[in-house]
Amino acid sequence: MKYTEEHEWLRIEDDLVVVGITAHAAEQLGDVVFVELPEVGTMVVKDDEIVVIESVKAASDILAPIDGEIMEVNDSIVNEPGKVNDDPENDAWFVKLKVDDLGPMDDMMDEAAYKAFIG
């Protein structure tokens, strides 16, 4: 698993990159009450807005951590946004991307580096 400074995690499953937010980010957001996901088939470039989250504290945009095509979205969190707080690093993933170049993931943090980053 890799992590970004924007508190996203990325995990390779089969040929796809699964993206979600970290437990730290979910805790900082507070209770998530709304999640809007992108359309399957959308091509995204790093830093494109891909997900909108609203919590009791604020609204936040989740940006694409890497270039790719949205191949799958996690509709279950649209119907139950609280899952983002309950299991942010497993069942509450946001999107699965088809990525041509995994090279940018080499520059992302591993778990130890992310834990040091959040202190």
PDB file of N, CA and C in Angstrom:
ATOM      1  N   MET A   1       0.858  -1.180   0.000  1.00  0.00           N
ATOM      2  CA  MET A   1       0.000   0.000   0.000  1.00  0.00           C
ATOM      3  C   MET A   1       0.898   1.236   0.000  1.00  0.00           C
ATOM      4  N   LYS A   2       0.482   2.246  -0.754  1.00  0.00           N
ATOM      5  CA  LYS A   2       1.195   3.517  -0.829  1.00  0.00           C
ATOM      6  C   LYS A   2       0.270   4.625  -0.342  1.00  0.00           C
ATOM      7  N   TYR A   3       0.877   5.720   0.103  1.00  0.00           N
ATOM      8  CA  TYR A   3       0.117   6.833   0.675  1.00  0.00           C
ATOM      9  C   TYR A   3       0.573   8.154   0.067  1.00  0.00           C
ATOM     10  N   THR A   4      -0.365   9.109  -0.014  1.00  0.00           N
ATOM     11  CA  THR A   4      -0.038  10.448  -0.507  1.00  0.00           C
ATOM     12  C   THR A   4      -0.071  11.442   0.649  1.00  0.00           C
ATOM     13  N   GLU A   5       0.491  12.612   0.420  1.00  0.00           N
ATOM     14  CA  GLU A   5       0.437  13.671   1.426  1.00  0.00           C
ATOM     15  C   GLU A   5      -0.984  14.204   1.587  1.00  0.00           C
ATOM     16  N   GLU A   6      -1.864  13.879   0.644  1.00  0.00           N
ATOM     17  CA  GLU A   6      -3.271  14.290   0.729  1.00  0.00           C
ATOM     18  C   GLU A   6      -4.104  13.242   1.469  1.00  0.00           C
ATOM     19  N   HIS A   7      -3.432  12.294   2.117  1.00  0.00           N
ATOM     20  CA  HIS A   7      -4.066  11.274   2.960  1.00  0.00           C
ATOM     21  C   HIS A   7      -4.923  10.286   2.169  1.00  0.00           C
ATOM     22  N   GLU A   8      -4.472   9.975   0.979  1.00  0.00           N
ATOM     23  CA  GLU A   8      -5.091   8.915   0.192  1.00  0.00           C
ATOM     24  C   GLU A   8      -4.196   7.676   0.270  1.00  0.00           C
ATOM     25  N   TRP A   9      -4.810   6.527   0.125  1.00  0.00           N
ATOM     26  CA  TRP A   9      -4.026   5.304   0.005  1.00  0.00           C
ATOM     27  C   TRP A   9      -4.295   4.701  -1.367  1.00  0.00           C
ATOM     28  N   LEU A  10      -3.299   3.966  -1.857  1.00  0.00           N
ATOM     29  CA  LEU A  10      -3.405   3.282  -3.145  1.00  0.00           C
ATOM     30  C   LEU A  10      -2.921   1.854  -2.953  1.00  0.00           C
ATOM     31  N   ARG A  11      -3.695   0.926  -3.465  1.00  0.00           N
ATOM     32  CA  ARG A  11      -3.350  -0.498  -3.356  1.00  0.00           C
ATOM     33  C   ARG A  11      -3.574  -1.141  -4.718  1.00  0.00           C
ATOM     34  N   ILE A  12      -2.616  -1.933  -5.143  1.00  0.00           N
ATOM     35  CA  ILE A  12      -2.762  -2.636  -6.417  1.00  0.00           C
ATOM     36  C   ILE A  12      -3.496  -3.945  -6.171  1.00  0.00           C
ATOM     37  N   GLU A  13      -4.617  -4.118  -6.900  1.00  0.00           N
ATOM     38  CA  GLU A  13      -5.399  -5.365  -6.858  1.00  0.00           C
ATOM     39  C   GLU A  13      -5.589  -5.833  -8.284  1.00  0.00           C
ATOM     40  N   ASP A  14      -5.138  -7.024  -8.565  1.00  0.00           N
ATOM     41  CA  ASP A  14      -5.159  -7.531  -9.933  1.00  0.00           C
ATOM     42  C   ASP A  14      -4.427  -6.513 -10.818  1.00  0.00           C
ATOM     43  N   ASP A  15      -5.062  -5.978 -11.840  1.00  0.00           N
ATOM     44  CA  ASP A  15      -4.407  -5.004 -12.710  1.00  0.00           C
ATOM     45  C   ASP A  15      -4.862  -3.576 -12.434  1.00  0.00           C
ATOM     46  N   LEU A  16      -5.571  -3.362 -11.334  1.00  0.00           N
ATOM     47  CA  LEU A  16      -6.139  -2.049 -11.041  1.00  0.00           C
ATOM     48  C   LEU A  16      -5.536  -1.444  -9.775  1.00  0.00           C
ATOM     49  N   VAL A  17      -5.591  -0.111  -9.697  1.00  0.00           N
ATOM     50  CA  VAL A  17      -5.146   0.603  -8.512  1.00  0.00           C
ATOM     51  C   VAL A  17      -6.391   1.057  -7.750  1.00  0.00           C
ATOM     52  N   VAL A  18      -6.539   0.567  -6.538  1.00  0.00           N
ATOM     53  CA  VAL A  18      -7.672   0.909  -5.684  1.00  0.00           C
ATOM     54  C   VAL A  18      -7.277   2.142  -4.870  1.00  0.00           C
ATOM     55  N   VAL A  19      -8.211   3.118  -4.775  1.00  0.00           N
ATOM     56  CA  VAL A  19      -7.923   4.380  -4.090  1.00  0.00           C
ATOM     57  C   VAL A  19      -8.961   4.630  -3.005  1.00  0.00           C
ATOM     58  N   GLY A  20      -8.490   5.063  -1.849  1.00  0.00           N
ATOM     59  CA  GLY A  20      -9.377   5.454  -0.753  1.00  0.00           C
ATOM     60  C   GLY A  20      -8.684   6.490   0.099  1.00  0.00           C
ATOM     61  N   ILE A  21      -9.302   6.861   1.223  1.00  0.00           N
ATOM     62  CA  ILE A  21      -8.646   7.786   2.146  1.00  0.00           C
ATOM     63  C   ILE A  21      -8.232   7.020   3.394  1.00  0.00           C
ATOM     64  N   THR A  22      -7.249   7.557   4.071  1.00  0.00           N
ATOM     65  CA  THR A  22      -6.696   6.878   5.239  1.00  0.00           C
ATOM     66  C   THR A  22      -7.612   7.024   6.448  1.00  0.00           C
ATOM     67  N   ALA A  23      -7.373   6.196   7.440  1.00  0.00           N
ATOM     68  CA  ALA A  23      -8.113   6.284   8.694  1.00  0.00           C
ATOM     69  C   ALA A  23      -7.890   7.656   9.337  1.00  0.00           C
ATOM     70  N   HIS A  24      -6.680   8.173   9.206  1.00  0.00           N
ATOM     71  CA  HIS A  24      -6.379   9.503   9.750  1.00  0.00           C
ATOM     72  C   HIS A  24      -7.271  10.552   9.095  1.00  0.00           C
ATOM     73  N   ALA A  25      -7.395  10.496   7.775  1.00  0.00           N
ATOM     74  CA  ALA A  25      -8.233  11.464   7.056  1.00  0.00           C
ATOM     75  C   ALA A  25      -9.692  11.319   7.460  1.00  0.00           C
ATOM     76  N   ALA A  26     -10.164  10.096   7.550  1.00  0.00           N
ATOM     77  CA  ALA A  26     -11.559   9.862   7.934  1.00  0.00           C
ATOM     78  C   ALA A  26     -11.838  10.412   9.330  1.00  0.00           C
ATOM     79  N   GLU A  27     -10.876  10.236  10.222  1.00  0.00           N
ATOM     80  CA  GLU A  27     -11.036  10.756  11.579  1.00  0.00           C
ATOM     81  C   GLU A  27     -11.076  12.285  11.571  1.00  0.00           C
ATOM     82  N   GLN A  28     -10.217  12.897  10.751  1.00  0.00           N
ATOM     83  CA  GLN A  28     -10.174  14.352  10.677  1.00  0.00           C
ATOM     84  C   GLN A  28     -11.473  14.923  10.087  1.00  0.00           C
ATOM     85  N   LEU A  29     -12.075  14.197   9.147  1.00  0.00           N
ATOM     86  CA  LEU A  29     -13.309  14.654   8.517  1.00  0.00           C
ATOM     87  C   LEU A  29     -14.488  14.654   9.486  1.00  0.00           C
ATOM     88  N   GLY A  30     -14.510  13.723  10.398  1.00  0.00           N
ATOM     89  CA  GLY A  30     -15.681  13.543  11.243  1.00  0.00           C
ATOM     90  C   GLY A  30     -16.677  12.651  10.515  1.00  0.00           C
ATOM     91  N   ASP A  31     -17.893  12.610  10.983  1.00  0.00           N
ATOM     92  CA  ASP A  31     -18.899  11.716  10.407  1.00  0.00           C
ATOM     93  C   ASP A  31     -19.215  12.100   8.965  1.00  0.00           C
ATOM     94  N   VAL A  32     -18.937  11.180   8.041  1.00  0.00           N
ATOM     95  CA  VAL A  32     -19.206  11.411   6.627  1.00  0.00           C
ATOM     96  C   VAL A  32     -20.693  11.188   6.369  1.00  0.00           C
ATOM     97  N   VAL A  33     -21.333  12.166   5.700  1.00  0.00           N
ATOM     98  CA  VAL A  33     -22.774  12.098   5.473  1.00  0.00           C
ATOM     99  C   VAL A  33     -23.143  12.022   3.993  1.00  0.00           C
ATOM    100  N   PHE A  34     -22.160  12.263   3.109  1.00  0.00           N
ATOM    101  CA  PHE A  34     -22.444  12.262   1.669  1.00  0.00           C
ATOM    102  C   PHE A  34     -21.168  11.961   0.900  1.00  0.00           C
ATOM    103  N   VAL A  35     -21.298  11.114  -0.126  1.00  0.00           N
ATOM    104  CA  VAL A  35     -20.163  10.819  -1.010  1.00  0.00           C
ATOM    105  C   VAL A  35     -20.675  10.841  -2.439  1.00  0.00           C
ATOM    106  N   GLU A  36     -19.981  11.581  -3.311  1.00  0.00           N
ATOM    107  CA  GLU A  36     -20.283  11.601  -4.739  1.00  0.00           C
ATOM    108  C   GLU A  36     -19.095  11.029  -5.485  1.00  0.00           C
ATOM    109  N   LEU A  37     -19.350  10.024  -6.294  1.00  0.00           N
ATOM    110  CA  LEU A  37     -18.277   9.323  -7.009  1.00  0.00           C
ATOM    111  C   LEU A  37     -18.328   9.662  -8.496  1.00  0.00           C
ATOM    112  N   PRO A  38     -17.216   9.486  -9.208  1.00  0.00           N
ATOM    113  CA  PRO A  38     -17.178   9.772 -10.645  1.00  0.00           C
ATOM    114  C   PRO A  38     -17.857   8.666 -11.450  1.00  0.00           C
ATOM    115  N   GLU A  39     -18.049   8.942 -12.735  1.00  0.00           N
ATOM    116  CA  GLU A  39     -18.616   7.951 -13.645  1.00  0.00           C
ATOM    117  C   GLU A  39     -17.545   6.933 -14.052  1.00  0.00           C
ATOM    118  N   VAL A  40     -17.938   5.684 -14.149  1.00  0.00           N
ATOM    119  CA  VAL A  40     -17.051   4.661 -14.685  1.00  0.00           C
ATOM    120  C   VAL A  40     -16.720   5.038 -16.128  1.00  0.00           C
ATOM    121  N   GLY A  41     -15.466   4.867 -16.502  1.00  0.00           N
ATOM    122  CA  GLY A  41     -15.020   5.192 -17.856  1.00  0.00           C
ATOM    123  C   GLY A  41     -14.377   6.559 -17.974  1.00  0.00           C
ATOM    124  N   THR A  42     -14.464   7.365 -16.901  1.00  0.00           N
ATOM    125  CA  THR A  42     -13.854   8.698 -16.910  1.00  0.00           C
ATOM    126  C   THR A  42     -12.329   8.575 -16.892  1.00  0.00           C
ATOM    127  N   MET A  43     -11.686   9.322 -17.786  1.00  0.00           N
ATOM    128  CA  MET A  43     -10.227   9.403 -17.769  1.00  0.00           C
ATOM    129  C   MET A  43      -9.848  10.531 -16.820  1.00  0.00           C
ATOM    130  N   VAL A  44      -8.920  10.272 -15.913  1.00  0.00           N
ATOM    131  CA  VAL A  44      -8.502  11.300 -14.970  1.00  0.00           C
ATOM    132  C   VAL A  44      -6.995  11.498 -15.040  1.00  0.00           C
ATOM    133  N   VAL A  45      -6.605  12.715 -14.743  1.00  0.00           N
ATOM    134  CA  VAL A  45      -5.198  13.084 -14.653  1.00  0.00           C
ATOM    135  C   VAL A  45      -4.927  13.424 -13.197  1.00  0.00           C
ATOM    136  N   LYS A  46      -3.728  13.152 -12.746  1.00  0.00           N
ATOM    137  CA  LYS A  46      -3.362  13.456 -11.357  1.00  0.00           C
ATOM    138  C   LYS A  46      -3.864  14.854 -10.989  1.00  0.00           C
ATOM    139  N   ASP A  47      -4.463  14.942  -9.811  1.00  0.00           N
ATOM    140  CA  ASP A  47      -5.018  16.164  -9.221  1.00  0.00           C
ATOM    141  C   ASP A  47      -6.373  16.575  -9.782  1.00  0.00           C
ATOM    142  N   ASP A  48      -6.966  15.785 -10.698  1.00  0.00           N
ATOM    143  CA  ASP A  48      -8.361  16.019 -11.070  1.00  0.00           C
ATOM    144  C   ASP A  48      -9.245  15.668  -9.873  1.00  0.00           C
ATOM    145  N   GLU A  49     -10.338  16.416  -9.691  1.00  0.00           N
ATOM    146  CA  GLU A  49     -11.297  16.080  -8.638  1.00  0.00           C
ATOM    147  C   GLU A  49     -12.026  14.806  -9.046  1.00  0.00           C
ATOM    148  N   ILE A  50     -12.002  13.802  -8.180  1.00  0.00           N
ATOM    149  CA  ILE A  50     -12.695  12.563  -8.529  1.00  0.00           C
ATOM    150  C   ILE A  50     -13.816  12.208  -7.556  1.00  0.00           C
ATOM    151  N   VAL A  51     -13.719  12.688  -6.319  1.00  0.00           N
ATOM    152  CA  VAL A  51     -14.723  12.342  -5.311  1.00  0.00           C
ATOM    153  C   VAL A  51     -15.036  13.596  -4.489  1.00  0.00           C
ATOM    154  N   VAL A  52     -16.309  13.767  -4.153  1.00  0.00           N
ATOM    155  CA  VAL A  52     -16.715  14.822  -3.233  1.00  0.00           C
ATOM    156  C   VAL A  52     -17.241  14.147  -1.970  1.00  0.00           C
ATOM    157  N   ILE A  53     -16.738  14.602  -0.838  1.00  0.00           N
ATOM    158  CA  ILE A  53     -17.169  14.061   0.456  1.00  0.00           C
ATOM    159  C   ILE A  53     -17.709  15.207   1.293  1.00  0.00           C
ATOM    160  N   GLU A  54     -18.828  14.976   1.935  1.00  0.00           N
ATOM    161  CA  GLU A  54     -19.314  15.944   2.910  1.00  0.00           C
ATOM    162  C   GLU A  54     -19.418  15.243   4.248  1.00  0.00           C
ATOM    163  N   SER A  55     -18.930  15.941   5.258  1.00  0.00           N
ATOM    164  CA  SER A  55     -19.010  15.416   6.616  1.00  0.00           C
ATOM    165  C   SER A  55     -19.704  16.455   7.480  1.00  0.00           C
ATOM    166  N   VAL A  56     -19.881  16.126   8.733  1.00  0.00           N
ATOM    167  CA  VAL A  56     -20.499  17.079   9.642  1.00  0.00           C
ATOM    168  C   VAL A  56     -19.615  18.310   9.824  1.00  0.00           C
ATOM    169  N   LYS A  57     -18.326  18.181   9.493  1.00  0.00           N
ATOM    170  CA  LYS A  57     -17.395  19.301   9.675  1.00  0.00           C
ATOM    171  C   LYS A  57     -17.210  20.141   8.423  1.00  0.00           C
ATOM    172  N   ALA A  58     -17.156  19.485   7.235  1.00  0.00           N
ATOM    173  CA  ALA A  58     -16.799  20.218   6.024  1.00  0.00           C
ATOM    174  C   ALA A  58     -17.063  19.375   4.788  1.00  0.00           C
ATOM    175  N   ALA A  59     -16.950  20.032   3.628  1.00  0.00           N
ATOM    176  CA  ALA A  59     -16.961  19.322   2.347  1.00  0.00           C
ATOM    177  C   ALA A  59     -15.522  19.255   1.857  1.00  0.00           C
ATOM    178  N   SER A  60     -15.156  18.143   1.270  1.00  0.00           N
ATOM    179  CA  SER A  60     -13.786  17.957   0.796  1.00  0.00           C
ATOM    180  C   SER A  60     -13.810  17.311  -0.576  1.00  0.00           C
ATOM    181  N   ASP A  61     -12.835  17.685  -1.386  1.00  0.00           N
ATOM    182  CA  ASP A  61     -12.640  17.046  -2.679  1.00  0.00           C
ATOM    183  C   ASP A  61     -11.477  16.071  -2.564  1.00  0.00           C
ATOM    184  N   ILE A  62     -11.662  14.912  -3.141  1.00  0.00           N
ATOM    185  CA  ILE A  62     -10.571  13.944  -3.226  1.00  0.00           C
ATOM    186  C   ILE A  62     -10.036  14.028  -4.650  1.00  0.00           C
ATOM    187  N   LEU A  63      -8.742  14.225  -4.778  1.00  0.00           N
ATOM    188  CA  LEU A  63      -8.119  14.395  -6.079  1.00  0.00           C
ATOM    189  C   LEU A  63      -7.477  13.094  -6.543  1.00  0.00           C
ATOM    190  N   ALA A  64      -7.463  12.910  -7.842  1.00  0.00           N
ATOM    191  CA  ALA A  64      -6.824  11.715  -8.395  1.00  0.00           C
ATOM    192  C   ALA A  64      -5.344  11.703  -8.012  1.00  0.00           C
ATOM    193  N   PRO A  65      -4.872  10.636  -7.396  1.00  0.00           N
ATOM    194  CA  PRO A  65      -3.466  10.582  -7.004  1.00  0.00           C
ATOM    195  C   PRO A  65      -2.545  10.168  -8.154  1.00  0.00           C
ATOM    196  N   ILE A  66      -3.157   9.738  -9.262  1.00  0.00           N
ATOM    197  CA  ILE A  66      -2.369   9.200 -10.370  1.00  0.00           C
ATOM    198  C   ILE A  66      -3.254   9.242 -11.627  1.00  0.00           C
ATOM    199  N   ASP A  67      -2.648   9.281 -12.789  1.00  0.00           N
ATOM    200  CA  ASP A  67      -3.401   9.267 -14.049  1.00  0.00           C
ATOM    201  C   ASP A  67      -4.014   7.886 -14.279  1.00  0.00           C
ATOM    202  N   GLY A  68      -5.222   7.855 -14.845  1.00  0.00           N
ATOM    203  CA  GLY A  68      -5.813   6.565 -15.161  1.00  0.00           C
ATOM    204  C   GLY A  68      -7.255   6.683 -15.604  1.00  0.00           C
ATOM    205  N   GLU A  69      -7.882   5.542 -15.812  1.00  0.00           N
ATOM    206  CA  GLU A  69      -9.285   5.473 -16.193  1.00  0.00           C
ATOM    207  C   GLU A  69     -10.072   4.826 -15.062  1.00  0.00           C
ATOM    208  N   ILE A  70     -11.187   5.450 -14.689  1.00  0.00           N
ATOM    209  CA  ILE A  70     -12.039   4.895 -13.638  1.00  0.00           C
ATOM    210  C   ILE A  70     -12.690   3.625 -14.192  1.00  0.00           C
ATOM    211  N   MET A  71     -12.387   2.504 -13.601  1.00  0.00           N
ATOM    212  CA  MET A  71     -12.928   1.233 -14.068  1.00  0.00           C
ATOM    213  C   MET A  71     -14.075   0.738 -13.192  1.00  0.00           C
ATOM    214  N   GLU A  72     -14.067   1.174 -11.922  1.00  0.00           N
ATOM    215  CA  GLU A  72     -15.092   0.716 -10.981  1.00  0.00           C
ATOM    216  C   GLU A  72     -15.219   1.752  -9.870  1.00  0.00           C
ATOM    217  N   VAL A  73     -16.439   1.946  -9.374  1.00  0.00           N
ATOM    218  CA  VAL A  73     -16.651   2.818  -8.216  1.00  0.00           C
ATOM    219  C   VAL A  73     -17.367   2.010  -7.136  1.00  0.00           C
ATOM    220  N   ASN A  74     -17.201   2.438  -5.898  1.00  0.00           N
ATOM    221  CA  ASN A  74     -17.769   1.722  -4.762  1.00  0.00           C
ATOM    222  C   ASN A  74     -19.129   2.324  -4.405  1.00  0.00           C
ATOM    223  N   ASP A  75     -20.161   1.881  -5.115  1.00  0.00           N
ATOM    224  CA  ASP A  75     -21.505   2.423  -4.898  1.00  0.00           C
ATOM    225  C   ASP A  75     -22.016   2.228  -3.474  1.00  0.00           C
ATOM    226  N   SER A  76     -21.479   1.241  -2.765  1.00  0.00           N
ATOM    227  CA  SER A  76     -21.999   0.968  -1.414  1.00  0.00           C
ATOM    228  C   SER A  76     -21.764   2.148  -0.478  1.00  0.00           C
ATOM    229  N   ILE A  77     -20.704   2.948  -0.727  1.00  0.00           N
ATOM    230  CA  ILE A  77     -20.465   4.083   0.176  1.00  0.00           C
ATOM    231  C   ILE A  77     -21.353   5.282  -0.163  1.00  0.00           C
ATOM    232  N   VAL A  78     -21.943   5.290  -1.351  1.00  0.00           N
ATOM    233  CA  VAL A  78     -22.903   6.343  -1.679  1.00  0.00           C
ATOM    234  C   VAL A  78     -24.161   6.125  -0.845  1.00  0.00           C
ATOM    235  N   ASN A  79     -24.576   4.868  -0.760  1.00  0.00           N
ATOM    236  CA  ASN A  79     -25.779   4.539   0.012  1.00  0.00           C
ATOM    237  C   ASN A  79     -25.523   4.546   1.518  1.00  0.00           C
ATOM    238  N   GLU A  80     -24.281   4.238   1.908  1.00  0.00           N
ATOM    239  CA  GLU A  80     -23.923   4.207   3.326  1.00  0.00           C
ATOM    240  C   GLU A  80     -22.612   4.966   3.539  1.00  0.00           C
ATOM    241  N   PRO A  81     -22.652   6.299   3.479  1.00  0.00           N
ATOM    242  CA  PRO A  81     -21.408   7.074   3.588  1.00  0.00           C
ATOM    243  C   PRO A  81     -20.664   6.858   4.909  1.00  0.00           C
ATOM    244  N   GLY A  82     -21.346   6.431   5.935  1.00  0.00           N
ATOM    245  CA  GLY A  82     -20.702   6.169   7.225  1.00  0.00           C
ATOM    246  C   GLY A  82     -19.644   5.086   7.160  1.00  0.00           C
ATOM    247  N   LYS A  83     -19.697   4.253   6.104  1.00  0.00           N
ATOM    248  CA  LYS A  83     -18.658   3.226   5.933  1.00  0.00           C
ATOM    249  C   LYS A  83     -17.273   3.850   5.822  1.00  0.00           C
ATOM    250  N   VAL A  84     -17.220   5.084   5.301  1.00  0.00           N
ATOM    251  CA  VAL A  84     -15.919   5.759   5.166  1.00  0.00           C
ATOM    252  C   VAL A  84     -15.281   5.935   6.546  1.00  0.00           C
ATOM    253  N   ASN A  85     -16.089   6.162   7.553  1.00  0.00           N
ATOM    254  CA  ASN A  85     -15.551   6.279   8.904  1.00  0.00           C
ATOM    255  C   ASN A  85     -15.291   4.910   9.529  1.00  0.00           C
ATOM    256  N   ASP A  86     -16.130   3.935   9.189  1.00  0.00           N
ATOM    257  CA  ASP A  86     -16.033   2.619   9.815  1.00  0.00           C
ATOM    258  C   ASP A  86     -14.853   1.798   9.311  1.00  0.00           C
ATOM    259  N   ASP A  87     -14.562   1.853   8.012  1.00  0.00           N
ATOM    260  CA  ASP A  87     -13.528   0.976   7.454  1.00  0.00           C
ATOM    261  C   ASP A  87     -12.853   1.650   6.249  1.00  0.00           C
ATOM    262  N   PRO A  88     -12.219   2.814   6.487  1.00  0.00           N
ATOM    263  CA  PRO A  88     -11.719   3.610   5.367  1.00  0.00           C
ATOM    264  C   PRO A  88     -10.626   2.934   4.540  1.00  0.00           C
ATOM    265  N   GLU A  89      -9.894   2.023   5.127  1.00  0.00           N
ATOM    266  CA  GLU A  89      -8.754   1.460   4.392  1.00  0.00           C
ATOM    267  C   GLU A  89      -9.039   0.054   3.857  1.00  0.00           C
ATOM    268  N   ASN A  90     -10.301  -0.347   3.856  1.00  0.00           N
ATOM    269  CA  ASN A  90     -10.662  -1.647   3.286  1.00  0.00           C
ATOM    270  C   ASN A  90     -11.949  -1.535   2.470  1.00  0.00           C
ATOM    271  N   ASP A  91     -13.102  -1.754   3.100  1.00  0.00           N
ATOM    272  CA  ASP A  91     -14.372  -1.802   2.378  1.00  0.00           C
ATOM    273  C   ASP A  91     -14.826  -0.460   1.823  1.00  0.00           C
ATOM    274  N   ALA A  92     -14.312   0.640   2.346  1.00  0.00           N
ATOM    275  CA  ALA A  92     -14.784   1.955   1.912  1.00  0.00           C
ATOM    276  C   ALA A  92     -13.849   2.597   0.876  1.00  0.00           C
ATOM    277  N   TRP A  93     -13.295   1.801  -0.013  1.00  0.00           N
ATOM    278  CA  TRP A  93     -12.500   2.358  -1.115  1.00  0.00           C
ATOM    279  C   TRP A  93     -13.425   3.186  -2.003  1.00  0.00           C
ATOM    280  N   PHE A  94     -12.839   4.085  -2.795  1.00  0.00           N
ATOM    281  CA  PHE A  94     -13.646   4.976  -3.643  1.00  0.00           C
ATOM    282  C   PHE A  94     -13.710   4.498  -5.088  1.00  0.00           C
ATOM    283  N   VAL A  95     -12.536   4.347  -5.693  1.00  0.00           N
ATOM    284  CA  VAL A  95     -12.495   4.006  -7.117  1.00  0.00           C
ATOM    285  C   VAL A  95     -11.397   2.983  -7.379  1.00  0.00           C
ATOM    286  N   LYS A  96     -11.544   2.302  -8.521  1.00  0.00           N
ATOM    287  CA  LYS A  96     -10.481   1.439  -9.035  1.00  0.00           C
ATOM    288  C   LYS A  96     -10.085   2.003 -10.390  1.00  0.00           C
ATOM    289  N   LEU A  97      -8.794   2.254 -10.547  1.00  0.00           N
ATOM    290  CA  LEU A  97      -8.258   2.885 -11.745  1.00  0.00           C
ATOM    291  C   LEU A  97      -7.436   1.900 -12.559  1.00  0.00           C
ATOM    292  N   LYS A  98      -7.577   2.001 -13.882  1.00  0.00           N
ATOM    293  CA  LYS A  98      -6.655   1.323 -14.785  1.00  0.00           C
ATOM    294  C   LYS A  98      -5.550   2.325 -15.079  1.00  0.00           C
ATOM    295  N   VAL A  99      -4.340   1.966 -14.706  1.00  0.00           N
ATOM    296  CA  VAL A  99      -3.211   2.886 -14.797  1.00  0.00           C
ATOM    297  C   VAL A  99      -2.179   2.320 -15.759  1.00  0.00           C
ATOM    298  N   ASP A 100      -1.751   3.128 -16.722  1.00  0.00           N
ATOM    299  CA  ASP A 100      -0.733   2.681 -17.677  1.00  0.00           C
ATOM    300  C   ASP A 100       0.669   2.751 -17.093  1.00  0.00           C
ATOM    301  N   ASP A 101       0.918   3.751 -16.232  1.00  0.00           N
ATOM    302  CA  ASP A 101       2.257   3.955 -15.690  1.00  0.00           C
ATOM    303  C   ASP A 101       2.204   3.970 -14.166  1.00  0.00           C
ATOM    304  N   LEU A 102       2.677   2.906 -13.555  1.00  0.00           N
ATOM    305  CA  LEU A 102       2.686   2.824 -12.088  1.00  0.00           C
ATOM    306  C   LEU A 102       3.891   3.540 -11.491  1.00  0.00           C
ATOM    307  N   GLY A 103       4.758   4.078 -12.319  1.00  0.00           N
ATOM    308  CA  GLY A 103       5.987   4.734 -11.858  1.00  0.00           C
ATOM    309  C   GLY A 103       5.770   5.791 -10.783  1.00  0.00           C
ATOM    310  N   PRO A 104       4.739   6.661 -10.908  1.00  0.00           N
ATOM    311  CA  PRO A 104       4.540   7.677  -9.873  1.00  0.00           C
ATOM    312  C   PRO A 104       4.311   7.083  -8.479  1.00  0.00           C
ATOM    313  N   MET A 105       3.843   5.856  -8.397  1.00  0.00           N
ATOM    314  CA  MET A 105       3.629   5.243  -7.083  1.00  0.00           C
ATOM    315  C   MET A 105       4.953   4.994  -6.359  1.00  0.00           C
ATOM    316  N   ASP A 106       6.042   4.888  -7.121  1.00  0.00           N
ATOM    317  CA  ASP A 106       7.349   4.671  -6.497  1.00  0.00           C
ATOM    318  C   ASP A 106       7.740   5.841  -5.604  1.00  0.00           C
ATOM    319  N   ASP A 107       7.238   7.037  -5.931  1.00  0.00           N
ATOM    320  CA  ASP A 107       7.594   8.233  -5.171  1.00  0.00           C
ATOM    321  C   ASP A 107       6.656   8.478  -3.990  1.00  0.00           C
ATOM    322  N   MET A 108       5.629   7.648  -3.837  1.00  0.00           N
ATOM    323  CA  MET A 108       4.682   7.825  -2.733  1.00  0.00           C
ATOM    324  C   MET A 108       5.214   7.154  -1.472  1.00  0.00           C
ATOM    325  N   MET A 109       4.618   7.514  -0.331  1.00  0.00           N
ATOM    326  CA  MET A 109       5.074   6.997   0.960  1.00  0.00           C
ATOM    327  C   MET A 109       4.609   5.564   1.197  1.00  0.00           C
ATOM    328  N   ASP A 110       5.467   4.801   1.871  1.00  0.00           N
ATOM    329  CA  ASP A 110       5.023   3.500   2.363  1.00  0.00           C
ATOM    330  C   ASP A 110       4.370   3.733   3.733  1.00  0.00           C
ATOM    331  N   GLU A 111       3.912   2.668   4.375  1.00  0.00           N
ATOM    332  CA  GLU A 111       3.172   2.826   5.632  1.00  0.00           C
ATOM    333  C   GLU A 111       4.015   3.501   6.710  1.00  0.00           C
ATOM    334  N   ALA A 112       5.272   3.103   6.840  1.00  0.00           N
ATOM    335  CA  ALA A 112       6.140   3.685   7.875  1.00  0.00           C
ATOM    336  C   ALA A 112       6.342   5.176   7.635  1.00  0.00           C
ATOM    337  N   ALA A 113       6.566   5.545   6.388  1.00  0.00           N
ATOM    338  CA  ALA A 113       6.778   6.956   6.062  1.00  0.00           C
ATOM    339  C   ALA A 113       5.500   7.758   6.305  1.00  0.00           C
ATOM    340  N   TYR A 114       4.335   7.162   5.973  1.00  0.00           N
ATOM    341  CA  TYR A 114       3.070   7.874   6.195  1.00  0.00           C
ATOM    342  C   TYR A 114       2.826   8.076   7.687  1.00  0.00           C
ATOM    343  N   LYS A 115       3.098   7.050   8.481  1.00  0.00           N
ATOM    344  CA  LYS A 115       2.906   7.193   9.932  1.00  0.00           C
ATOM    345  C   LYS A 115       3.804   8.287  10.488  1.00  0.00           C
ATOM    346  N   ALA A 116       5.023   8.373   9.979  1.00  0.00           N
ATOM    347  CA  ALA A 116       5.925   9.445  10.412  1.00  0.00           C
ATOM    348  C   ALA A 116       5.389  10.798   9.944  1.00  0.00           C
ATOM    349  N   PHE A 117       4.806  10.827   8.743  1.00  0.00           N
ATOM    350  CA  PHE A 117       4.269  12.072   8.171  1.00  0.00           C
ATOM    351  C   PHE A 117       3.130  12.638   9.018  1.00  0.00           C
ATOM    352  N   ILE A 118       2.242  11.756   9.499  1.00  0.00           N
ATOM    353  CA  ILE A 118       1.098  12.248  10.281  1.00  0.00           C
ATOM    354  C   ILE A 118       1.461  12.398  11.762  1.00  0.00           C
ATOM    355  N   GLY A 119       2.660  11.921  12.112  1.00  0.00           N
ATOM    356  CA  GLY A 119       3.154  12.118  13.474  1.00  0.00           C
ATOM    357  C   GLY A 119       2.502  11.226  14.462  1.00  0.00           C
TER     358      GLY A 119
END
